[in-house]
């Protein structure tokens, strides 16, 4: 499994537009083969900071998502209008939070 996690920043004045666009994208992303979870949440509205949290079955699934027409259209629209630090992590030992 791959975990994608990090922050994205947009101008505070663009938060409403960005949130609407990312929520529209999220509806299709959650139905994609290999997507285990996909969430974007406002972390600090006044700073224009959002938290990104995704889980993917494997690299092939994540790559297909990144190459999908709607993902590319979203990135094209927001390229130059967003910054951030979003990282990808390999996960191999998933278990309940309370498991030791």
N, C-alpha and C. Protein backbone atom coordinates (compact mmCIF):
# COMPACT_ATOMS: atom_id res chain seq x y z
N UNK A 1 0.85 -1.17 0.00
CA UNK A 1 0.00 0.00 0.00
C UNK A 1 0.89 1.24 0.00
N UNK A 2 0.41 2.28 -0.66
CA UNK A 2 1.08 3.58 -0.65
C UNK A 2 0.20 4.58 0.09
N UNK A 3 0.83 5.41 0.88
CA UNK A 3 0.14 6.51 1.56
C UNK A 3 0.69 7.80 0.99
N UNK A 4 -0.20 8.68 0.59
CA UNK A 4 0.15 10.01 0.09
C UNK A 4 -0.35 11.00 1.13
N UNK A 5 0.55 11.84 1.63
CA UNK A 5 0.18 12.73 2.74
C UNK A 5 0.97 14.03 2.63
N UNK A 6 0.30 15.13 2.95
CA UNK A 6 1.00 16.41 2.99
C UNK A 6 0.05 17.58 2.97
N UNK A 7 0.63 18.75 2.75
CA UNK A 7 -0.14 19.99 2.72
C UNK A 7 -0.07 20.64 1.35
N UNK A 8 -1.15 21.28 0.97
CA UNK A 8 -1.24 22.09 -0.24
C UNK A 8 -1.63 23.49 0.21
N UNK A 9 -1.05 24.49 -0.43
CA UNK A 9 -1.36 25.89 -0.11
C UNK A 9 -1.90 26.59 -1.35
N UNK A 10 -2.98 27.33 -1.16
CA UNK A 10 -3.52 28.20 -2.20
C UNK A 10 -3.77 29.56 -1.56
N UNK A 11 -3.94 30.57 -2.38
CA UNK A 11 -4.27 31.89 -1.83
C UNK A 11 -5.58 31.77 -1.06
N UNK A 12 -5.67 32.36 0.13
CA UNK A 12 -6.92 32.29 0.88
C UNK A 12 -8.13 32.74 0.06
N UNK A 13 -7.94 33.69 -0.82
CA UNK A 13 -9.05 34.16 -1.66
C UNK A 13 -9.50 33.09 -2.67
N UNK A 14 -8.68 32.07 -2.90
CA UNK A 14 -9.02 31.01 -3.85
C UNK A 14 -9.54 29.74 -3.17
N UNK A 15 -9.65 29.77 -1.84
CA UNK A 15 -10.03 28.57 -1.09
C UNK A 15 -11.37 27.98 -1.54
N UNK A 16 -12.38 28.80 -1.72
CA UNK A 16 -13.70 28.28 -2.09
C UNK A 16 -13.66 27.60 -3.44
N UNK A 17 -13.01 28.23 -4.41
CA UNK A 17 -12.91 27.66 -5.75
C UNK A 17 -12.11 26.36 -5.71
N UNK A 18 -10.98 26.37 -5.00
CA UNK A 18 -10.15 25.18 -4.91
C UNK A 18 -10.91 24.05 -4.24
N UNK A 19 -11.58 24.35 -3.13
CA UNK A 19 -12.34 23.32 -2.41
C UNK A 19 -13.42 22.71 -3.29
N UNK A 20 -14.12 23.52 -4.07
CA UNK A 20 -15.15 22.99 -4.97
C UNK A 20 -14.52 22.10 -6.03
N UNK A 21 -13.40 22.51 -6.59
CA UNK A 21 -12.73 21.72 -7.62
C UNK A 21 -12.20 20.40 -7.06
N UNK A 22 -11.59 20.44 -5.89
CA UNK A 22 -11.01 19.21 -5.33
C UNK A 22 -12.11 18.26 -4.89
N UNK A 23 -13.22 18.77 -4.41
CA UNK A 23 -14.32 17.89 -4.02
C UNK A 23 -14.94 17.21 -5.25
N UNK A 24 -15.04 17.94 -6.35
CA UNK A 24 -15.54 17.34 -7.59
C UNK A 24 -14.59 16.24 -8.05
N UNK A 25 -13.29 16.49 -8.00
CA UNK A 25 -12.31 15.47 -8.37
C UNK A 25 -12.39 14.28 -7.43
N UNK A 26 -12.54 14.53 -6.13
CA UNK A 26 -12.56 13.46 -5.13
C UNK A 26 -13.67 12.46 -5.39
N UNK A 27 -14.82 12.92 -5.87
CA UNK A 27 -15.93 12.00 -6.13
C UNK A 27 -15.54 10.93 -7.14
N UNK A 28 -14.80 11.28 -8.17
CA UNK A 28 -14.39 10.28 -9.16
C UNK A 28 -13.17 9.49 -8.67
N UNK A 29 -12.26 10.15 -7.96
CA UNK A 29 -11.06 9.46 -7.47
C UNK A 29 -11.44 8.31 -6.54
N UNK A 30 -12.41 8.52 -5.69
CA UNK A 30 -12.80 7.48 -4.72
C UNK A 30 -13.36 6.23 -5.39
N UNK A 31 -13.78 6.34 -6.64
CA UNK A 31 -14.30 5.19 -7.38
C UNK A 31 -13.23 4.49 -8.21
N UNK A 32 -12.02 5.02 -8.21
CA UNK A 32 -10.96 4.46 -9.05
C UNK A 32 -10.44 3.14 -8.50
N UNK A 33 -10.12 2.27 -9.45
CA UNK A 33 -9.51 0.98 -9.11
C UNK A 33 -8.22 1.24 -8.31
N UNK A 34 -8.13 0.59 -7.16
CA UNK A 34 -6.93 0.70 -6.35
C UNK A 34 -6.93 1.83 -5.34
N UNK A 35 -7.95 2.70 -5.36
CA UNK A 35 -8.02 3.75 -4.36
C UNK A 35 -8.63 3.19 -3.09
N UNK A 36 -7.93 3.32 -1.99
CA UNK A 36 -8.42 2.83 -0.70
C UNK A 36 -9.05 3.95 0.11
N UNK A 37 -8.55 5.17 -0.04
CA UNK A 37 -9.16 6.35 0.58
C UNK A 37 -8.56 7.60 -0.04
N UNK A 38 -9.35 8.66 -0.02
CA UNK A 38 -8.91 9.93 -0.61
C UNK A 38 -9.63 11.04 0.13
N UNK A 39 -8.87 11.91 0.79
CA UNK A 39 -9.47 13.01 1.55
C UNK A 39 -8.61 14.26 1.46
N UNK A 40 -9.27 15.38 1.33
CA UNK A 40 -8.63 16.69 1.38
C UNK A 40 -9.46 17.52 2.35
N UNK A 41 -8.80 18.10 3.33
CA UNK A 41 -9.51 18.87 4.35
C UNK A 41 -8.83 20.22 4.56
N UNK A 42 -9.63 21.23 4.84
CA UNK A 42 -9.09 22.54 5.16
C UNK A 42 -8.40 22.45 6.51
N UNK A 43 -7.13 22.79 6.54
CA UNK A 43 -6.35 22.77 7.77
C UNK A 43 -6.32 24.16 8.41
N UNK A 44 -6.13 25.20 7.58
CA UNK A 44 -6.10 26.58 8.07
C UNK A 44 -6.61 27.48 6.94
N UNK A 45 -7.87 27.84 7.02
CA UNK A 45 -8.52 28.62 5.96
C UNK A 45 -7.82 29.96 5.75
N UNK A 46 -7.46 30.65 6.82
CA UNK A 46 -6.86 31.98 6.69
C UNK A 46 -5.48 31.93 6.04
N UNK A 47 -4.80 30.78 6.15
CA UNK A 47 -3.48 30.61 5.52
C UNK A 47 -3.60 29.93 4.16
N UNK A 48 -4.80 29.46 3.81
CA UNK A 48 -4.97 28.75 2.55
C UNK A 48 -4.32 27.38 2.54
N UNK A 49 -4.27 26.72 3.70
CA UNK A 49 -3.59 25.43 3.82
C UNK A 49 -4.61 24.29 3.93
N UNK A 50 -4.38 23.25 3.12
CA UNK A 50 -5.24 22.06 3.13
C UNK A 50 -4.38 20.84 3.40
N UNK A 51 -4.97 19.85 4.03
CA UNK A 51 -4.31 18.58 4.31
C UNK A 51 -4.78 17.55 3.30
N UNK A 52 -3.84 16.85 2.68
CA UNK A 52 -4.13 15.80 1.71
C UNK A 52 -3.78 14.46 2.35
N UNK A 53 -4.69 13.48 2.27
CA UNK A 53 -4.44 12.14 2.80
C UNK A 53 -5.06 11.13 1.84
N UNK A 54 -4.22 10.28 1.26
CA UNK A 54 -4.68 9.28 0.31
C UNK A 54 -4.04 7.93 0.63
N UNK A 55 -4.75 6.86 0.28
CA UNK A 55 -4.17 5.51 0.35
C UNK A 55 -4.46 4.81 -0.97
N UNK A 56 -3.42 4.18 -1.53
CA UNK A 56 -3.53 3.49 -2.81
C UNK A 56 -3.02 2.06 -2.66
N UNK A 57 -3.65 1.14 -3.37
CA UNK A 57 -3.26 -0.27 -3.30
C UNK A 57 -1.82 -0.47 -3.74
N UNK A 58 -1.40 0.24 -4.82
CA UNK A 58 -0.06 0.04 -5.36
C UNK A 58 0.31 1.21 -6.28
N UNK A 59 1.54 1.19 -6.77
CA UNK A 59 2.02 2.27 -7.62
C UNK A 59 1.26 2.35 -8.94
N UNK A 60 0.88 1.21 -9.49
CA UNK A 60 0.12 1.22 -10.75
C UNK A 60 -1.19 1.98 -10.59
N UNK A 61 -1.87 1.79 -9.48
CA UNK A 61 -3.13 2.49 -9.22
C UNK A 61 -2.90 3.99 -9.05
N UNK A 62 -1.88 4.36 -8.31
CA UNK A 62 -1.57 5.77 -8.12
C UNK A 62 -1.16 6.41 -9.45
N UNK A 63 -0.35 5.72 -10.23
CA UNK A 63 0.08 6.25 -11.52
C UNK A 63 -1.11 6.45 -12.45
N UNK A 64 -2.04 5.50 -12.47
CA UNK A 64 -3.24 5.63 -13.31
C UNK A 64 -4.05 6.84 -12.88
N UNK A 65 -4.16 7.07 -11.59
CA UNK A 65 -4.87 8.25 -11.07
C UNK A 65 -4.19 9.54 -11.52
N UNK A 66 -2.88 9.59 -11.39
CA UNK A 66 -2.15 10.80 -11.75
C UNK A 66 -2.22 11.09 -13.25
N UNK A 67 -2.42 10.04 -14.04
CA UNK A 67 -2.49 10.20 -15.49
C UNK A 67 -3.92 10.33 -16.01
N UNK A 68 -4.91 10.22 -15.13
CA UNK A 68 -6.32 10.30 -15.55
C UNK A 68 -6.62 11.70 -16.07
N UNK A 69 -7.48 11.80 -17.08
CA UNK A 69 -7.79 13.11 -17.66
C UNK A 69 -8.29 14.15 -16.66
N UNK A 70 -9.15 13.74 -15.72
CA UNK A 70 -9.66 14.72 -14.77
C UNK A 70 -8.59 15.19 -13.78
N UNK A 71 -7.68 14.28 -13.40
CA UNK A 71 -6.58 14.68 -12.53
C UNK A 71 -5.66 15.65 -13.26
N UNK A 72 -5.33 15.33 -14.51
CA UNK A 72 -4.46 16.21 -15.29
C UNK A 72 -5.12 17.57 -15.52
N UNK A 73 -6.44 17.59 -15.75
CA UNK A 73 -7.14 18.87 -15.94
C UNK A 73 -7.10 19.69 -14.65
N UNK A 74 -7.32 19.04 -13.51
CA UNK A 74 -7.25 19.74 -12.23
C UNK A 74 -5.87 20.33 -12.01
N UNK A 75 -4.83 19.50 -12.22
CA UNK A 75 -3.47 19.98 -12.02
C UNK A 75 -3.14 21.12 -12.99
N UNK A 76 -3.60 21.02 -14.22
CA UNK A 76 -3.36 22.08 -15.18
C UNK A 76 -4.00 23.39 -14.78
N UNK A 77 -5.22 23.31 -14.24
CA UNK A 77 -5.91 24.52 -13.80
C UNK A 77 -5.20 25.17 -12.62
N UNK A 78 -4.72 24.36 -11.68
CA UNK A 78 -4.18 24.90 -10.44
C UNK A 78 -2.66 25.02 -10.44
N UNK A 79 -1.99 24.50 -11.46
CA UNK A 79 -0.54 24.64 -11.54
C UNK A 79 -0.19 26.12 -11.53
N UNK A 80 0.74 26.50 -10.70
CA UNK A 80 1.11 27.90 -10.56
C UNK A 80 0.26 28.66 -9.58
N UNK A 81 -0.86 28.04 -9.15
CA UNK A 81 -1.75 28.69 -8.17
C UNK A 81 -1.73 27.96 -6.85
N UNK A 82 -1.03 26.82 -6.79
CA UNK A 82 -0.93 26.07 -5.54
C UNK A 82 0.52 25.65 -5.35
N UNK A 83 0.89 25.51 -4.10
CA UNK A 83 2.20 24.99 -3.73
C UNK A 83 1.95 23.96 -2.64
N UNK A 84 2.98 23.26 -2.27
CA UNK A 84 2.79 22.33 -1.17
C UNK A 84 3.92 21.35 -1.05
N UNK A 85 3.75 20.50 -0.09
CA UNK A 85 4.69 19.42 0.17
C UNK A 85 3.86 18.17 0.42
N UNK A 86 3.68 17.38 -0.62
CA UNK A 86 2.91 16.14 -0.54
C UNK A 86 3.88 15.00 -0.85
N UNK A 87 3.95 14.04 0.04
CA UNK A 87 4.91 12.94 -0.07
C UNK A 87 4.20 11.60 -0.20
N UNK A 88 4.94 10.62 -0.72
CA UNK A 88 4.44 9.26 -0.89
C UNK A 88 5.24 8.35 0.03
N UNK A 89 4.54 7.46 0.73
CA UNK A 89 5.18 6.54 1.67
C UNK A 89 4.74 5.11 1.36
N UNK A 90 5.65 4.18 1.47
CA UNK A 90 5.32 2.76 1.38
C UNK A 90 4.85 2.29 2.75
N UNK A 91 3.80 1.50 2.76
CA UNK A 91 3.28 0.96 4.03
C UNK A 91 3.13 -0.55 3.90
N UNK A 92 3.63 -1.27 4.88
CA UNK A 92 3.59 -2.72 4.78
C UNK A 92 3.00 -3.41 6.01
N UNK A 93 2.75 -2.69 7.07
CA UNK A 93 2.31 -3.35 8.30
C UNK A 93 1.06 -2.64 8.84
N UNK A 94 0.02 -2.58 8.06
CA UNK A 94 -1.22 -1.90 8.48
C UNK A 94 -1.90 -2.69 9.59
N UNK A 95 -2.36 -1.97 10.62
CA UNK A 95 -3.08 -2.59 11.74
C UNK A 95 -3.90 -1.53 12.44
N UNK A 96 -4.74 -1.93 13.33
CA UNK A 96 -5.57 -1.01 14.11
C UNK A 96 -4.69 -0.07 14.94
N UNK A 97 -5.17 1.13 15.16
CA UNK A 97 -4.44 2.12 15.93
C UNK A 97 -4.08 1.61 17.32
N UNK A 98 -4.94 0.84 17.93
CA UNK A 98 -4.70 0.37 19.30
C UNK A 98 -3.92 -0.93 19.38
N UNK A 99 -3.63 -1.55 18.21
CA UNK A 99 -2.81 -2.76 18.23
C UNK A 99 -1.37 -2.39 18.51
N UNK A 100 -0.71 -3.16 19.34
CA UNK A 100 0.68 -2.90 19.70
C UNK A 100 1.62 -3.27 18.69
